[in-house]
N, C-alpha and C. Protein backbone atom coordinates (compact mmCIF):
# COMPACT_ATOMS: atom_id res chain seq x y z
N MET A 1 4.15 23.36 -1.19
CA MET A 1 4.37 22.52 -2.36
C MET A 1 3.02 22.02 -2.88
N GLU A 2 2.85 22.06 -4.18
CA GLU A 2 1.61 21.57 -4.81
C GLU A 2 1.53 20.05 -4.70
N ILE A 3 0.31 19.54 -4.60
CA ILE A 3 0.09 18.11 -4.41
C ILE A 3 0.61 17.29 -5.60
N GLU A 4 0.53 17.83 -6.81
CA GLU A 4 1.04 17.11 -7.99
C GLU A 4 2.56 16.95 -7.92
N GLU A 5 3.22 17.94 -7.34
CA GLU A 5 4.67 17.84 -7.15
C GLU A 5 5.01 16.76 -6.12
N VAL A 6 4.19 16.66 -5.08
CA VAL A 6 4.38 15.62 -4.07
C VAL A 6 4.19 14.24 -4.71
N LEU A 7 3.24 14.12 -5.62
CA LEU A 7 3.03 12.85 -6.32
C LEU A 7 4.28 12.46 -7.10
N LYS A 8 4.90 13.40 -7.78
CA LYS A 8 6.13 13.12 -8.54
C LYS A 8 7.25 12.69 -7.60
N ILE A 9 7.35 13.35 -6.45
CA ILE A 9 8.37 12.97 -5.45
C ILE A 9 8.11 11.55 -4.97
N ALA A 10 6.84 11.23 -4.69
CA ALA A 10 6.48 9.88 -4.22
C ALA A 10 6.84 8.82 -5.25
N GLN A 11 6.53 9.10 -6.52
CA GLN A 11 6.85 8.15 -7.59
C GLN A 11 8.37 7.91 -7.67
N LYS A 12 9.14 8.98 -7.58
CA LYS A 12 10.60 8.85 -7.66
C LYS A 12 11.16 8.12 -6.43
N LEU A 13 10.66 8.49 -5.24
CA LEU A 13 11.10 7.82 -4.02
C LEU A 13 10.83 6.31 -4.10
N ALA A 14 9.62 5.96 -4.49
CA ALA A 14 9.24 4.54 -4.58
C ALA A 14 10.08 3.82 -5.63
N THR A 15 10.25 4.44 -6.78
CA THR A 15 11.02 3.82 -7.86
C THR A 15 12.47 3.58 -7.42
N ASP A 16 13.07 4.57 -6.80
CA ASP A 16 14.46 4.44 -6.34
C ASP A 16 14.58 3.42 -5.20
N ALA A 17 13.67 3.48 -4.23
CA ALA A 17 13.76 2.61 -3.06
C ALA A 17 13.50 1.14 -3.38
N HIS A 18 12.62 0.87 -4.34
CA HIS A 18 12.24 -0.51 -4.66
C HIS A 18 12.98 -1.06 -5.88
N LYS A 19 13.98 -0.32 -6.39
CA LYS A 19 14.58 -0.66 -7.69
C LYS A 19 15.19 -2.06 -7.76
N GLU A 20 15.69 -2.59 -6.68
CA GLU A 20 16.31 -3.93 -6.71
C GLU A 20 15.32 -5.04 -6.31
N GLN A 21 14.09 -4.68 -6.01
CA GLN A 21 13.13 -5.65 -5.49
C GLN A 21 12.21 -6.18 -6.60
N THR A 22 11.72 -7.40 -6.38
CA THR A 22 10.73 -7.98 -7.28
C THR A 22 9.47 -8.33 -6.48
N ASP A 23 8.35 -8.40 -7.17
CA ASP A 23 7.09 -8.74 -6.50
C ASP A 23 6.88 -10.25 -6.48
N LYS A 24 5.71 -10.66 -6.04
CA LYS A 24 5.40 -12.09 -5.93
C LYS A 24 5.41 -12.80 -7.28
N ALA A 25 5.28 -12.02 -8.36
CA ALA A 25 5.30 -12.60 -9.71
C ALA A 25 6.70 -12.56 -10.32
N GLY A 26 7.67 -12.02 -9.56
CA GLY A 26 9.03 -11.92 -10.07
C GLY A 26 9.26 -10.69 -10.95
N LYS A 27 8.28 -9.81 -11.00
CA LYS A 27 8.40 -8.58 -11.79
C LYS A 27 8.95 -7.46 -10.90
N PRO A 28 9.44 -6.39 -11.51
CA PRO A 28 9.93 -5.27 -10.68
C PRO A 28 8.85 -4.84 -9.69
N TYR A 29 9.23 -4.70 -8.42
CA TYR A 29 8.27 -4.41 -7.36
C TYR A 29 7.51 -3.11 -7.61
N ILE A 30 8.17 -2.18 -8.26
CA ILE A 30 7.53 -0.88 -8.49
C ILE A 30 6.24 -1.02 -9.30
N SER A 31 6.13 -2.09 -10.09
CA SER A 31 4.89 -2.30 -10.86
C SER A 31 3.71 -2.55 -9.92
N HIS A 32 3.98 -3.16 -8.75
CA HIS A 32 2.92 -3.35 -7.76
C HIS A 32 2.47 -1.99 -7.20
N CYS A 33 3.44 -1.15 -6.84
CA CYS A 33 3.11 0.18 -6.31
C CYS A 33 2.32 0.98 -7.34
N GLN A 34 2.74 0.90 -8.58
CA GLN A 34 2.07 1.61 -9.67
C GLN A 34 0.64 1.09 -9.84
N ALA A 35 0.46 -0.23 -9.78
CA ALA A 35 -0.87 -0.83 -9.95
C ALA A 35 -1.80 -0.44 -8.80
N VAL A 36 -1.26 -0.39 -7.59
CA VAL A 36 -2.06 0.02 -6.44
C VAL A 36 -2.49 1.48 -6.61
N ALA A 37 -1.53 2.35 -6.93
CA ALA A 37 -1.83 3.78 -7.10
C ALA A 37 -2.85 4.01 -8.21
N ALA A 38 -2.77 3.23 -9.28
CA ALA A 38 -3.67 3.41 -10.43
C ALA A 38 -5.12 3.13 -10.08
N GLN A 39 -5.37 2.33 -9.05
CA GLN A 39 -6.75 2.01 -8.64
C GLN A 39 -7.40 3.11 -7.82
N LEU A 40 -6.60 4.05 -7.35
CA LEU A 40 -7.08 5.04 -6.38
C LEU A 40 -7.59 6.30 -7.05
N ASN A 41 -8.44 7.04 -6.35
CA ASN A 41 -9.14 8.18 -6.94
C ASN A 41 -8.43 9.52 -6.75
N THR A 42 -8.04 9.82 -5.52
CA THR A 42 -7.48 11.15 -5.27
C THR A 42 -5.96 11.14 -5.39
N THR A 43 -5.40 12.30 -5.61
CA THR A 43 -3.94 12.41 -5.70
C THR A 43 -3.30 12.01 -4.37
N GLU A 44 -3.92 12.39 -3.26
CA GLU A 44 -3.38 12.01 -1.96
C GLU A 44 -3.36 10.49 -1.79
N GLU A 45 -4.43 9.83 -2.19
CA GLU A 45 -4.46 8.36 -2.12
C GLU A 45 -3.38 7.77 -3.03
N LYS A 46 -3.20 8.33 -4.21
CA LYS A 46 -2.19 7.83 -5.14
C LYS A 46 -0.79 7.96 -4.54
N ILE A 47 -0.52 9.07 -3.85
CA ILE A 47 0.78 9.27 -3.20
C ILE A 47 1.03 8.15 -2.19
N VAL A 48 0.04 7.88 -1.36
CA VAL A 48 0.18 6.81 -0.36
C VAL A 48 0.25 5.45 -1.05
N GLY A 49 -0.47 5.28 -2.15
CA GLY A 49 -0.38 4.03 -2.91
C GLY A 49 1.04 3.77 -3.39
N TRP A 50 1.69 4.80 -3.91
CA TRP A 50 3.08 4.65 -4.36
C TRP A 50 4.00 4.32 -3.19
N LEU A 51 3.70 4.86 -2.02
CA LEU A 51 4.61 4.74 -0.87
C LEU A 51 4.16 3.72 0.18
N HIS A 52 3.12 2.95 -0.10
CA HIS A 52 2.52 2.13 0.95
C HIS A 52 3.44 1.07 1.56
N ASP A 53 4.44 0.61 0.84
CA ASP A 53 5.35 -0.41 1.37
C ASP A 53 6.77 0.12 1.60
N ILE A 54 6.98 1.40 1.39
CA ILE A 54 8.35 1.92 1.36
C ILE A 54 9.07 1.82 2.71
N VAL A 55 8.36 2.07 3.81
CA VAL A 55 9.01 1.98 5.13
C VAL A 55 9.13 0.52 5.56
N GLU A 56 8.11 -0.25 5.25
CA GLU A 56 8.10 -1.67 5.64
C GLU A 56 9.15 -2.50 4.89
N ASP A 57 9.39 -2.17 3.62
CA ASP A 57 10.21 -3.03 2.77
C ASP A 57 11.53 -2.43 2.28
N THR A 58 11.85 -1.20 2.70
CA THR A 58 13.11 -0.58 2.27
C THR A 58 13.78 0.11 3.47
N LYS A 59 14.86 0.79 3.22
CA LYS A 59 15.57 1.50 4.29
C LYS A 59 15.02 2.91 4.53
N ILE A 60 14.03 3.31 3.74
CA ILE A 60 13.41 4.64 3.90
C ILE A 60 12.65 4.68 5.23
N THR A 61 12.77 5.80 5.94
CA THR A 61 12.07 5.98 7.21
C THR A 61 11.00 7.05 7.08
N PHE A 62 10.17 7.15 8.10
CA PHE A 62 9.15 8.21 8.12
C PHE A 62 9.83 9.59 8.14
N ILE A 63 10.95 9.68 8.80
CA ILE A 63 11.71 10.94 8.84
C ILE A 63 12.20 11.30 7.45
N ASP A 64 12.65 10.30 6.69
CA ASP A 64 13.07 10.55 5.30
C ASP A 64 11.91 11.10 4.48
N LEU A 65 10.74 10.53 4.67
CA LEU A 65 9.56 10.99 3.92
C LEU A 65 9.25 12.45 4.26
N GLU A 66 9.36 12.78 5.54
CA GLU A 66 9.12 14.16 5.97
C GLU A 66 10.15 15.10 5.33
N LYS A 67 11.41 14.69 5.32
CA LYS A 67 12.47 15.51 4.72
C LYS A 67 12.25 15.72 3.23
N GLU A 68 11.61 14.75 2.57
CA GLU A 68 11.35 14.85 1.13
C GLU A 68 10.12 15.70 0.82
N GLY A 69 9.42 16.12 1.87
CA GLY A 69 8.28 17.01 1.65
C GLY A 69 6.93 16.33 1.61
N ILE A 70 6.88 15.08 2.03
CA ILE A 70 5.59 14.38 2.09
C ILE A 70 4.80 14.98 3.27
N PRO A 71 3.58 15.46 3.02
CA PRO A 71 2.80 16.08 4.10
C PRO A 71 2.53 15.12 5.26
N GLU A 72 2.44 15.70 6.44
CA GLU A 72 2.28 14.92 7.67
C GLU A 72 1.06 14.01 7.64
N HIS A 73 -0.07 14.50 7.11
CA HIS A 73 -1.27 13.65 7.11
C HIS A 73 -1.11 12.45 6.17
N LEU A 74 -0.27 12.56 5.15
CA LEU A 74 -0.01 11.41 4.28
C LEU A 74 0.98 10.45 4.94
N ILE A 75 1.93 11.00 5.68
CA ILE A 75 2.84 10.14 6.46
C ILE A 75 2.03 9.37 7.50
N ASP A 76 1.04 10.02 8.10
CA ASP A 76 0.17 9.33 9.06
C ASP A 76 -0.55 8.15 8.39
N ALA A 77 -1.00 8.34 7.15
CA ALA A 77 -1.65 7.25 6.41
C ALA A 77 -0.66 6.12 6.13
N ILE A 78 0.58 6.47 5.78
CA ILE A 78 1.61 5.46 5.53
C ILE A 78 1.92 4.72 6.82
N LYS A 79 1.96 5.44 7.94
CA LYS A 79 2.17 4.79 9.25
C LYS A 79 1.04 3.80 9.53
N ALA A 80 -0.18 4.20 9.22
CA ALA A 80 -1.33 3.34 9.49
C ALA A 80 -1.30 2.06 8.66
N ILE A 81 -0.75 2.13 7.47
CA ILE A 81 -0.74 0.95 6.58
C ILE A 81 0.54 0.13 6.71
N THR A 82 1.51 0.63 7.46
CA THR A 82 2.78 -0.08 7.65
C THR A 82 2.64 -1.07 8.80
N LYS A 83 2.87 -2.35 8.50
CA LYS A 83 2.78 -3.38 9.52
C LYS A 83 3.91 -3.22 10.54
N ILE A 84 3.57 -3.46 11.79
CA ILE A 84 4.54 -3.41 12.88
C ILE A 84 4.90 -4.84 13.23
N SER A 85 6.19 -5.12 13.34
CA SER A 85 6.65 -6.47 13.66
C SER A 85 6.00 -6.97 14.95
N GLY A 86 5.43 -8.16 14.90
CA GLY A 86 4.81 -8.78 16.06
C GLY A 86 3.37 -8.36 16.32
N GLU A 87 2.88 -7.41 15.55
CA GLU A 87 1.51 -6.92 15.73
C GLU A 87 0.51 -7.96 15.21
N LEU A 88 -0.55 -8.18 15.96
CA LEU A 88 -1.61 -9.07 15.49
C LEU A 88 -2.26 -8.46 14.26
N TYR A 89 -2.58 -9.30 13.27
CA TYR A 89 -3.15 -8.81 12.02
C TYR A 89 -4.47 -8.09 12.26
N GLU A 90 -5.26 -8.57 13.22
CA GLU A 90 -6.54 -7.92 13.53
C GLU A 90 -6.31 -6.50 14.03
N HIS A 91 -5.28 -6.30 14.86
CA HIS A 91 -4.95 -4.95 15.35
C HIS A 91 -4.47 -4.07 14.21
N TYR A 92 -3.68 -4.65 13.33
CA TYR A 92 -3.21 -3.92 12.16
C TYR A 92 -4.39 -3.41 11.33
N LEU A 93 -5.35 -4.28 11.05
CA LEU A 93 -6.51 -3.89 10.24
C LEU A 93 -7.35 -2.82 10.94
N GLU A 94 -7.47 -2.90 12.25
CA GLU A 94 -8.19 -1.85 12.99
C GLU A 94 -7.49 -0.51 12.84
N ARG A 95 -6.17 -0.51 12.87
CA ARG A 95 -5.40 0.72 12.70
C ARG A 95 -5.58 1.28 11.29
N VAL A 96 -5.57 0.39 10.30
CA VAL A 96 -5.79 0.81 8.92
C VAL A 96 -7.16 1.47 8.78
N LYS A 97 -8.18 0.87 9.39
CA LYS A 97 -9.54 1.38 9.27
C LYS A 97 -9.71 2.77 9.89
N GLU A 98 -8.84 3.13 10.80
CA GLU A 98 -8.93 4.44 11.46
C GLU A 98 -8.47 5.59 10.56
N ASN A 99 -7.86 5.27 9.42
CA ASN A 99 -7.35 6.31 8.52
C ASN A 99 -7.98 6.07 7.14
N LYS A 100 -8.80 7.02 6.67
CA LYS A 100 -9.55 6.84 5.41
C LYS A 100 -8.63 6.59 4.22
N ILE A 101 -7.53 7.32 4.14
CA ILE A 101 -6.60 7.14 3.01
C ILE A 101 -5.96 5.77 3.10
N ALA A 102 -5.50 5.40 4.29
CA ALA A 102 -4.86 4.08 4.46
C ALA A 102 -5.84 2.96 4.09
N LEU A 103 -7.09 3.12 4.47
CA LEU A 103 -8.10 2.10 4.16
C LEU A 103 -8.28 1.95 2.65
N SER A 104 -8.39 3.06 1.94
CA SER A 104 -8.52 3.00 0.48
C SER A 104 -7.32 2.32 -0.16
N VAL A 105 -6.14 2.66 0.33
CA VAL A 105 -4.91 2.08 -0.23
C VAL A 105 -4.82 0.60 0.11
N LYS A 106 -5.19 0.20 1.32
CA LYS A 106 -5.14 -1.21 1.71
C LYS A 106 -6.09 -2.04 0.84
N ILE A 107 -7.27 -1.50 0.56
CA ILE A 107 -8.22 -2.21 -0.31
C ILE A 107 -7.61 -2.38 -1.71
N ALA A 108 -7.01 -1.33 -2.24
CA ALA A 108 -6.38 -1.43 -3.56
C ALA A 108 -5.21 -2.41 -3.54
N ASP A 109 -4.43 -2.40 -2.47
CA ASP A 109 -3.30 -3.32 -2.31
C ASP A 109 -3.79 -4.77 -2.29
N MET A 110 -4.81 -5.01 -1.52
CA MET A 110 -5.35 -6.38 -1.44
C MET A 110 -5.92 -6.83 -2.78
N ARG A 111 -6.62 -5.93 -3.45
CA ARG A 111 -7.17 -6.29 -4.77
C ARG A 111 -6.05 -6.70 -5.72
N HIS A 112 -4.98 -5.94 -5.73
CA HIS A 112 -3.88 -6.28 -6.63
C HIS A 112 -3.23 -7.60 -6.20
N ASN A 113 -3.07 -7.80 -4.91
CA ASN A 113 -2.47 -9.04 -4.42
C ASN A 113 -3.36 -10.26 -4.64
N CYS A 114 -4.65 -10.04 -4.84
CA CYS A 114 -5.58 -11.14 -5.12
C CYS A 114 -5.56 -11.56 -6.59
N ASP A 115 -4.93 -10.78 -7.43
CA ASP A 115 -4.89 -11.07 -8.86
C ASP A 115 -3.80 -12.10 -9.16
N LEU A 116 -4.17 -13.37 -9.07
CA LEU A 116 -3.19 -14.44 -9.30
C LEU A 116 -2.86 -14.61 -10.77
N SER A 117 -3.58 -13.94 -11.66
CA SER A 117 -3.28 -14.06 -13.09
C SER A 117 -1.91 -13.47 -13.42
N ARG A 118 -1.38 -12.62 -12.55
CA ARG A 118 -0.06 -12.03 -12.81
C ARG A 118 1.08 -12.95 -12.36
N ILE A 119 0.72 -14.07 -11.71
CA ILE A 119 1.72 -15.03 -11.25
C ILE A 119 1.62 -16.27 -12.13
N SER A 120 2.71 -16.61 -12.82
CA SER A 120 2.65 -17.71 -13.79
C SER A 120 2.39 -19.07 -13.15
N ASN A 121 2.98 -19.34 -12.01
CA ASN A 121 2.78 -20.62 -11.33
C ASN A 121 2.46 -20.37 -9.85
N PRO A 122 1.20 -20.04 -9.54
CA PRO A 122 0.85 -19.77 -8.14
C PRO A 122 1.14 -20.97 -7.24
N THR A 123 1.65 -20.66 -6.05
CA THR A 123 1.98 -21.70 -5.08
C THR A 123 0.86 -21.82 -4.06
N ALA A 124 1.00 -22.79 -3.18
CA ALA A 124 0.03 -22.95 -2.09
C ALA A 124 0.01 -21.70 -1.22
N LYS A 125 1.15 -21.07 -1.06
CA LYS A 125 1.24 -19.83 -0.27
C LYS A 125 0.43 -18.71 -0.95
N ASP A 126 0.50 -18.64 -2.28
CA ASP A 126 -0.27 -17.64 -3.01
C ASP A 126 -1.77 -17.88 -2.83
N TYR A 127 -2.19 -19.13 -2.91
CA TYR A 127 -3.60 -19.45 -2.75
C TYR A 127 -4.07 -19.20 -1.31
N ALA A 128 -3.19 -19.44 -0.34
CA ALA A 128 -3.53 -19.17 1.06
C ALA A 128 -3.71 -17.66 1.27
N ARG A 129 -2.83 -16.85 0.68
CA ARG A 129 -2.95 -15.39 0.78
C ARG A 129 -4.25 -14.93 0.12
N LEU A 130 -4.55 -15.51 -1.05
CA LEU A 130 -5.78 -15.17 -1.76
C LEU A 130 -7.00 -15.47 -0.89
N SER A 131 -7.01 -16.63 -0.28
CA SER A 131 -8.13 -17.03 0.57
C SER A 131 -8.27 -16.07 1.76
N LYS A 132 -7.17 -15.74 2.37
CA LYS A 132 -7.17 -14.81 3.51
C LYS A 132 -7.73 -13.46 3.09
N TYR A 133 -7.25 -12.92 1.98
CA TYR A 133 -7.69 -11.61 1.53
C TYR A 133 -9.15 -11.63 1.08
N GLN A 134 -9.59 -12.73 0.46
CA GLN A 134 -10.98 -12.81 0.01
C GLN A 134 -11.95 -12.81 1.18
N LYS A 135 -11.48 -13.24 2.35
CA LYS A 135 -12.32 -13.21 3.55
C LYS A 135 -12.35 -11.80 4.15
N ILE A 136 -11.23 -11.10 4.09
CA ILE A 136 -11.08 -9.80 4.74
C ILE A 136 -11.60 -8.65 3.87
N LEU A 137 -11.34 -8.72 2.58
CA LEU A 137 -11.62 -7.62 1.66
C LEU A 137 -13.08 -7.15 1.70
N PRO A 138 -14.08 -8.05 1.64
CA PRO A 138 -15.47 -7.57 1.68
C PRO A 138 -15.78 -6.76 2.95
N ASP A 139 -15.21 -7.16 4.08
CA ASP A 139 -15.45 -6.43 5.33
C ASP A 139 -14.84 -5.03 5.28
N LEU A 140 -13.64 -4.92 4.70
CA LEU A 140 -13.00 -3.61 4.58
C LEU A 140 -13.79 -2.70 3.65
N ILE A 141 -14.26 -3.26 2.54
CA ILE A 141 -15.06 -2.47 1.59
C ILE A 141 -16.37 -2.02 2.25
N LYS A 142 -17.02 -2.93 2.96
CA LYS A 142 -18.26 -2.58 3.66
C LYS A 142 -18.01 -1.49 4.69
N TYR A 143 -16.95 -1.62 5.45
CA TYR A 143 -16.60 -0.61 6.46
C TYR A 143 -16.37 0.75 5.79
N GLN A 144 -15.65 0.72 4.66
CA GLN A 144 -15.38 1.96 3.93
C GLN A 144 -16.68 2.62 3.46
N GLN A 145 -17.58 1.82 2.91
CA GLN A 145 -18.85 2.36 2.41
C GLN A 145 -19.71 2.92 3.53
N GLU A 146 -19.70 2.26 4.67
CA GLU A 146 -20.49 2.72 5.81
C GLU A 146 -19.89 3.98 6.44
N SER A 147 -18.60 4.20 6.23
CA SER A 147 -17.91 5.35 6.82
C SER A 147 -18.03 6.60 5.98
N GLU A 148 -18.49 6.46 4.75
CA GLU A 148 -18.55 7.63 3.85
C GLU A 148 -19.72 8.53 4.16
């Protein structure tokens, strides 16, 4: 299967799986996936950008992704970016850093989540998340640059 066809499958899977969900701004959740994917450079990164929250936040499984034709190395990137219940955040970030595609997608995800202008009335929780990400994001970017 051509990679552009996989991208179309990823977009449809994400759109269908997230259709009833809203993001932190109360907008359709799929707009977050679209915004993350739009920041990325390669088609493979864009595929993972569209699917980065699909296993964590919907009923879709890694097996479902495989059945839909998502290549194994992209499923590995989605596994790397999918948080595991009870996992320490530091361990999660180390796992993300081990996969180049997952790292690029996580950086794009954090950048979008740091954009409080899309939230009409940011809460203390939003500002706490922003503060957390602003501390972590430079380290992830530096790690990515040093790994290239």
